Amino acid sequence: AEMAGNPVTHSLGLAQAGNMEGKETRF
C-alpha cells in the first residue's frame, strides 16, 4: 500500500516512488 502511494499526488505527477509523506528519508 505504501509503495502504491496516493493516487491524488500521482495525478499531479508527484511522489511516483510511493507514499513518503510522514517518513524519514534515511529509512
PDB file of all heavy atoms in Angstrom:
ATOM      1  N   ALA A   1       0.829  -1.209   0.000  1.00  0.00           N
ATOM      2  CA  ALA A   1       0.000   0.000   0.000  1.00  0.00           C
ATOM      3  C   ALA A   1       0.861   1.257   0.000  1.00  0.00           C
ATOM      4  O   ALA A   1       0.559   2.232  -0.702  1.00  0.00           O
ATOM      5  CB  ALA A   1      -0.921  -0.006   1.222  1.00  0.00           C
ATOM      6  N   GLU A   2       1.952   1.236   0.776  1.00  0.00           N
ATOM      7  CA  GLU A   2       2.824   2.420   0.824  1.00  0.00           C
ATOM      8  C   GLU A   2       3.605   2.577  -0.479  1.00  0.00           C
ATOM      9  O   GLU A   2       3.856   3.698  -0.924  1.00  0.00           O
ATOM     10  CB  GLU A   2       3.774   2.319   2.010  1.00  0.00           C
ATOM     11  CG  GLU A   2       3.082   2.364   3.366  1.00  0.00           C
ATOM     12  CD  GLU A   2       2.152   3.555   3.508  1.00  0.00           C
ATOM     13  OE1 GLU A   2       2.639   4.701   3.396  1.00  0.00           O
ATOM     14  OE2 GLU A   2       0.945   3.343   3.719  1.00  0.00           O
ATOM     15  N   MET A   3       3.969   1.483  -1.109  1.00  0.00           N
ATOM     16  CA  MET A   3       4.664   1.567  -2.398  1.00  0.00           C
ATOM     17  C   MET A   3       3.720   2.071  -3.494  1.00  0.00           C
ATOM     18  O   MET A   3       4.141   2.758  -4.427  1.00  0.00           O
ATOM     19  CB  MET A   3       5.234   0.206  -2.785  1.00  0.00           C
ATOM     20  CG  MET A   3       6.481  -0.198  -2.003  1.00  0.00           C
ATOM     21  SD  MET A   3       7.875   0.930  -2.225  1.00  0.00           S
ATOM     22  CE  MET A   3       8.220   0.703  -3.969  1.00  0.00           C
ATOM     23  N   ALA A   4       2.425   1.718  -3.381  1.00  0.00           N
ATOM     24  CA  ALA A   4       1.455   2.180  -4.383  1.00  0.00           C
ATOM     25  C   ALA A   4       1.236   3.680  -4.298  1.00  0.00           C
ATOM     26  O   ALA A   4       0.923   4.330  -5.297  1.00  0.00           O
ATOM     27  CB  ALA A   4       0.126   1.443  -4.192  1.00  0.00           C
ATOM     28  N   GLY A   5       1.405   4.236  -3.095  1.00  0.00           N
ATOM     29  CA  GLY A   5       1.318   5.675  -2.939  1.00  0.00           C
ATOM     30  C   GLY A   5      -0.101   6.194  -2.938  1.00  0.00           C
ATOM     31  O   GLY A   5      -1.078   5.456  -2.748  1.00  0.00           O
ATOM     32  N   ASN A   6      -0.228   7.494  -3.190  1.00  0.00           N
ATOM     33  CA  ASN A   6      -1.514   8.179  -3.166  1.00  0.00           C
ATOM     34  C   ASN A   6      -1.900   8.568  -4.585  1.00  0.00           C
ATOM     35  O   ASN A   6      -1.170   9.295  -5.256  1.00  0.00           O
ATOM     36  CB  ASN A   6      -1.410   9.437  -2.286  1.00  0.00           C
ATOM     37  CG  ASN A   6      -2.755  10.079  -2.021  1.00  0.00           C
ATOM     38  OD1 ASN A   6      -3.629  10.104  -2.883  1.00  0.00           O
ATOM     39  ND2 ASN A   6      -2.917  10.616  -0.824  1.00  0.00           N
ATOM     40  N   PRO A   7      -3.066   8.124  -5.079  1.00  0.00           N
ATOM     41  CA  PRO A   7      -3.444   8.431  -6.460  1.00  0.00           C
ATOM     42  C   PRO A   7      -3.643   9.927  -6.715  1.00  0.00           C
ATOM     43  O   PRO A   7      -3.517  10.383  -7.849  1.00  0.00           O
ATOM     44  CB  PRO A   7      -4.755   7.663  -6.645  1.00  0.00           C
ATOM     45  CG  PRO A   7      -5.281   7.467  -5.270  1.00  0.00           C
ATOM     46  CD  PRO A   7      -4.078   7.308  -4.395  1.00  0.00           C
ATOM     47  N   VAL A   8      -3.953  10.699  -5.681  1.00  0.00           N
ATOM     48  CA  VAL A   8      -4.139  12.139  -5.857  1.00  0.00           C
ATOM     49  C   VAL A   8      -2.817  12.796  -6.229  1.00  0.00           C
ATOM     50  O   VAL A   8      -2.742  13.601  -7.169  1.00  0.00           O
ATOM     51  CB  VAL A   8      -4.718  12.769  -4.580  1.00  0.00           C
ATOM     52  CG1 VAL A   8      -4.813  14.287  -4.726  1.00  0.00           C
ATOM     53  CG2 VAL A   8      -6.087  12.175  -4.263  1.00  0.00           C
ATOM     54  N   THR A   9      -1.745  12.448  -5.511  1.00  0.00           N
ATOM     55  CA  THR A   9      -0.429  13.007  -5.840  1.00  0.00           C
ATOM     56  C   THR A   9       0.086  12.440  -7.153  1.00  0.00           C
ATOM     57  O   THR A   9       0.791  13.118  -7.901  1.00  0.00           O
ATOM     58  CB  THR A   9       0.575  12.731  -4.717  1.00  0.00           C
ATOM     59  OG1 THR A   9       0.634  11.318  -4.467  1.00  0.00           O
ATOM     60  CG2 THR A   9       0.183  13.440  -3.438  1.00  0.00           C
ATOM     61  N   HIS A  10      -0.277  11.200  -7.468  1.00  0.00           N
ATOM     62  CA  HIS A  10       0.128  10.619  -8.755  1.00  0.00           C
ATOM     63  C   HIS A  10      -0.481  11.415  -9.912  1.00  0.00           C
ATOM     64  O   HIS A  10       0.177  11.656 -10.934  1.00  0.00           O
ATOM     65  CB  HIS A  10      -0.327   9.164  -8.840  1.00  0.00           C
ATOM     66  CG  HIS A  10       0.471   8.247  -7.967  1.00  0.00           C
ATOM     67  ND1 HIS A  10       0.264   6.890  -7.918  1.00  0.00           N
ATOM     68  CD2 HIS A  10       1.490   8.487  -7.110  1.00  0.00           C
ATOM     69  CE1 HIS A  10       1.097   6.332  -7.064  1.00  0.00           C
ATOM     70  NE2 HIS A  10       1.847   7.293  -6.561  1.00  0.00           N
ATOM     71  N   SER A  11      -1.729  11.822  -9.755  1.00  0.00           N
ATOM     72  CA  SER A  11      -2.389  12.564 -10.826  1.00  0.00           C
ATOM     73  C   SER A  11      -1.746  13.928 -11.055  1.00  0.00           C
ATOM     74  O   SER A  11      -1.880  14.519 -12.121  1.00  0.00           O
ATOM     75  CB  SER A  11      -3.869  12.735 -10.507  1.00  0.00           C
ATOM     76  OG  SER A  11      -4.039  13.558  -9.352  1.00  0.00           O
ATOM     77  N   LEU A  12      -1.036  14.416 -10.030  1.00  0.00           N
ATOM     78  CA  LEU A  12      -0.333  15.699 -10.154  1.00  0.00           C
ATOM     79  C   LEU A  12       1.107  15.521 -10.610  1.00  0.00           C
ATOM     80  O   LEU A  12       1.859  16.497 -10.702  1.00  0.00           O
ATOM     81  CB  LEU A  12      -0.354  16.433  -8.802  1.00  0.00           C
ATOM     82  CG  LEU A  12      -1.739  16.778  -8.243  1.00  0.00           C
ATOM     83  CD1 LEU A  12      -1.618  17.385  -6.852  1.00  0.00           C
ATOM     84  CD2 LEU A  12      -2.475  17.741  -9.178  1.00  0.00           C
ATOM     85  N   GLY A  13       1.497  14.261 -10.836  1.00  0.00           N
ATOM     86  CA  GLY A  13       2.862  13.987 -11.260  1.00  0.00           C
ATOM     87  C   GLY A  13       3.866  14.000 -10.127  1.00  0.00           C
ATOM     88  O   GLY A  13       5.067  14.169 -10.355  1.00  0.00           O
ATOM     89  N   LEU A  14       3.403  13.799  -8.885  1.00  0.00           N
ATOM     90  CA  LEU A  14       4.272  13.847  -7.702  1.00  0.00           C
ATOM     91  C   LEU A  14       4.328  12.475  -7.027  1.00  0.00           C
ATOM     92  O   LEU A  14       3.438  11.650  -7.170  1.00  0.00           O
ATOM     93  CB  LEU A  14       3.750  14.879  -6.701  1.00  0.00           C
ATOM     94  CG  LEU A  14       3.598  16.315  -7.222  1.00  0.00           C
ATOM     95  CD1 LEU A  14       2.913  17.172  -6.176  1.00  0.00           C
ATOM     96  CD2 LEU A  14       4.942  16.892  -7.609  1.00  0.00           C
ATOM     97  N   ALA A  15       5.384  12.265  -6.257  1.00  0.00           N
ATOM     98  CA  ALA A  15       5.516  11.083  -5.388  1.00  0.00           C
ATOM     99  C   ALA A  15       5.286   9.784  -6.133  1.00  0.00           C
ATOM    100  O   ALA A  15       4.584   8.895  -5.670  1.00  0.00           O
ATOM    101  CB  ALA A  15       4.553  11.192  -4.206  1.00  0.00           C
ATOM    102  N   GLN A  16       5.891   9.644  -7.289  1.00  0.00           N
ATOM    103  CA  GLN A  16       5.726   8.423  -8.074  1.00  0.00           C
ATOM    104  C   GLN A  16       6.415   7.218  -7.433  1.00  0.00           C
ATOM    105  O   GLN A  16       6.117   6.085  -7.770  1.00  0.00           O
ATOM    106  CB  GLN A  16       6.269   8.649  -9.481  1.00  0.00           C
ATOM    107  CG  GLN A  16       5.498   9.697 -10.290  1.00  0.00           C
ATOM    108  CD  GLN A  16       4.064   9.306 -10.541  1.00  0.00           C
ATOM    109  OE1 GLN A  16       3.750   8.139 -10.659  1.00  0.00           O
ATOM    110  NE2 GLN A  16       3.172  10.293 -10.600  1.00  0.00           N
ATOM    111  N   ALA A  17       7.373   7.478  -6.525  1.00  0.00           N
ATOM    112  CA  ALA A  17       8.121   6.373  -5.898  1.00  0.00           C
ATOM    113  C   ALA A  17       7.376   5.779  -4.710  1.00  0.00           C
ATOM    114  O   ALA A  17       7.913   4.925  -4.014  1.00  0.00           O
ATOM    115  CB  ALA A  17       9.494   6.866  -5.460  1.00  0.00           C
ATOM    116  N   GLY A  18       6.152   6.203  -4.459  1.00  0.00           N
ATOM    117  CA  GLY A  18       5.403   5.682  -3.325  1.00  0.00           C
ATOM    118  C   GLY A  18       5.056   6.789  -2.353  1.00  0.00           C
ATOM    119  O   GLY A  18       5.334   7.969  -2.583  1.00  0.00           O
ATOM    120  N   ASN A  19       4.435   6.412  -1.258  1.00  0.00           N
ATOM    121  CA  ASN A  19       3.990   7.384  -0.262  1.00  0.00           C
ATOM    122  C   ASN A  19       5.101   7.655   0.748  1.00  0.00           C
ATOM    123  O   ASN A  19       5.312   6.871   1.669  1.00  0.00           O
ATOM    124  CB  ASN A  19       2.748   6.858   0.467  1.00  0.00           C
ATOM    125  CG  ASN A  19       2.285   7.805   1.553  1.00  0.00           C
ATOM    126  OD1 ASN A  19       2.370   9.023   1.402  1.00  0.00           O
ATOM    127  ND2 ASN A  19       1.812   7.253   2.652  1.00  0.00           N
ATOM    128  N   MET A  20       5.809   8.770   0.582  1.00  0.00           N
ATOM    129  CA  MET A  20       6.872   9.143   1.515  1.00  0.00           C
ATOM    130  C   MET A  20       6.410  10.199   2.515  1.00  0.00           C
ATOM    131  O   MET A  20       7.202  10.680   3.325  1.00  0.00           O
ATOM    132  CB  MET A  20       8.086   9.671   0.738  1.00  0.00           C
ATOM    133  CG  MET A  20       8.984   8.592   0.189  1.00  0.00           C
ATOM    134  SD  MET A  20       9.742   7.572   1.491  1.00  0.00           S
ATOM    135  CE  MET A  20      10.802   8.757   2.296  1.00  0.00           C
ATOM    136  N   GLU A  21       5.135  10.545   2.481  1.00  0.00           N
ATOM    137  CA  GLU A  21       4.640  11.526   3.454  1.00  0.00           C
ATOM    138  C   GLU A  21       4.752  10.964   4.871  1.00  0.00           C
ATOM    139  O   GLU A  21       4.359   9.831   5.150  1.00  0.00           O
ATOM    140  CB  GLU A  21       3.176  11.856   3.159  1.00  0.00           C
ATOM    141  CG  GLU A  21       2.589  12.878   4.128  1.00  0.00           C
ATOM    142  CD  GLU A  21       1.100  13.082   3.947  1.00  0.00           C
ATOM    143  OE1 GLU A  21       0.529  12.451   3.022  1.00  0.00           O
ATOM    144  OE2 GLU A  21       0.506  13.839   4.730  1.00  0.00           O
ATOM    145  N   GLY A  22       5.321  11.742   5.784  1.00  0.00           N
ATOM    146  CA  GLY A  22       5.453  11.332   7.179  1.00  0.00           C
ATOM    147  C   GLY A  22       6.571  10.356   7.445  1.00  0.00           C
ATOM    148  O   GLY A  22       6.691   9.841   8.564  1.00  0.00           O
ATOM    149  N   LYS A  23       7.422  10.089   6.456  1.00  0.00           N
ATOM    150  CA  LYS A  23       8.504   9.114   6.617  1.00  0.00           C
ATOM    151  C   LYS A  23       9.862   9.804   6.560  1.00  0.00           C
ATOM    152  O   LYS A  23      10.019  10.847   5.922  1.00  0.00           O
ATOM    153  CB  LYS A  23       8.425   8.033   5.536  1.00  0.00           C
ATOM    154  CG  LYS A  23       7.152   7.203   5.593  1.00  0.00           C
ATOM    155  CD  LYS A  23       7.112   6.175   4.485  1.00  0.00           C
ATOM    156  CE  LYS A  23       5.870   5.310   4.586  1.00  0.00           C
ATOM    157  NZ  LYS A  23       4.629   6.079   4.434  1.00  0.00           N
ATOM    158  N   GLU A  24      10.834   9.209   7.216  1.00  0.00           N
ATOM    159  CA  GLU A  24      12.202   9.715   7.188  1.00  0.00           C
ATOM    160  C   GLU A  24      12.909   9.173   5.957  1.00  0.00           C
ATOM    161  O   GLU A  24      12.838   7.962   5.668  1.00  0.00           O
ATOM    162  CB  GLU A  24      12.954   9.291   8.453  1.00  0.00           C
ATOM    163  CG  GLU A  24      12.422   9.934   9.726  1.00  0.00           C
ATOM    164  CD  GLU A  24      12.642  11.432   9.736  1.00  0.00           C
ATOM    165  OE1 GLU A  24      13.792  11.872   9.562  1.00  0.00           O
ATOM    166  OE2 GLU A  24      11.659  12.168   9.910  1.00  0.00           O
ATOM    167  N   THR A  25      13.623  10.039   5.244  1.00  0.00           N
ATOM    168  CA  THR A  25      14.306   9.595   4.025  1.00  0.00           C
ATOM    169  C   THR A  25      15.419   8.613   4.334  1.00  0.00           C
ATOM    170  O   THR A  25      15.783   7.810   3.473  1.00  0.00           O
ATOM    171  CB  THR A  25      14.884  10.802   3.269  1.00  0.00           C
ATOM    172  OG1 THR A  25      15.720  11.568   4.152  1.00  0.00           O
ATOM    173  CG2 THR A  25      13.763  11.698   2.759  1.00  0.00           C
ATOM    174  N   ARG A  26      15.976   8.653   5.542  1.00  0.00           N
ATOM    175  CA  ARG A  26      17.052   7.712   5.876  1.00  0.00           C
ATOM    176  C   ARG A  26      16.536   6.285   6.059  1.00  0.00           C
ATOM    177  O   ARG A  26      17.312   5.339   6.100  1.00  0.00           O
ATOM    178  CB  ARG A  26      17.808   8.173   7.128  1.00  0.00           C
ATOM    179  CG  ARG A  26      17.013   8.153   8.424  1.00  0.00           C
ATOM    180  CD  ARG A  26      17.840   8.753   9.571  1.00  0.00           C
ATOM    181  NE  ARG A  26      17.176   8.674  10.855  1.00  0.00           N
ATOM    182  CZ  ARG A  26      16.263   9.512  11.298  1.00  0.00           C
ATOM    183  NH1 ARG A  26      15.869  10.502  10.515  1.00  0.00           N
ATOM    184  NH2 ARG A  26      15.714   9.368  12.490  1.00  0.00           N
ATOM    185  N   PHE A  27      15.218   6.120   6.200  1.00  0.00           N
ATOM    186  CA  PHE A  27      14.633   4.792   6.331  1.00  0.00           C
ATOM    187  C   PHE A  27      13.888   4.371   5.068  1.00  0.00           C
ATOM    188  O   PHE A  27      13.959   3.210   4.664  1.00  0.00           O
ATOM    189  CB  PHE A  27      13.666   4.749   7.526  1.00  0.00           C
ATOM    190  CG  PHE A  27      14.299   5.081   8.844  1.00  0.00           C
ATOM    191  CD1 PHE A  27      13.640   5.871   9.757  1.00  0.00           C
ATOM    192  CD2 PHE A  27      15.563   4.618   9.155  1.00  0.00           C
ATOM    193  CE1 PHE A  27      14.222   6.187  10.976  1.00  0.00           C
ATOM    194  CE2 PHE A  27      16.160   4.921  10.366  1.00  0.00           C
ATOM    195  CZ  PHE A  27      15.494   5.718  11.281  1.00  0.00           C
TER     196      PHE A  27
END
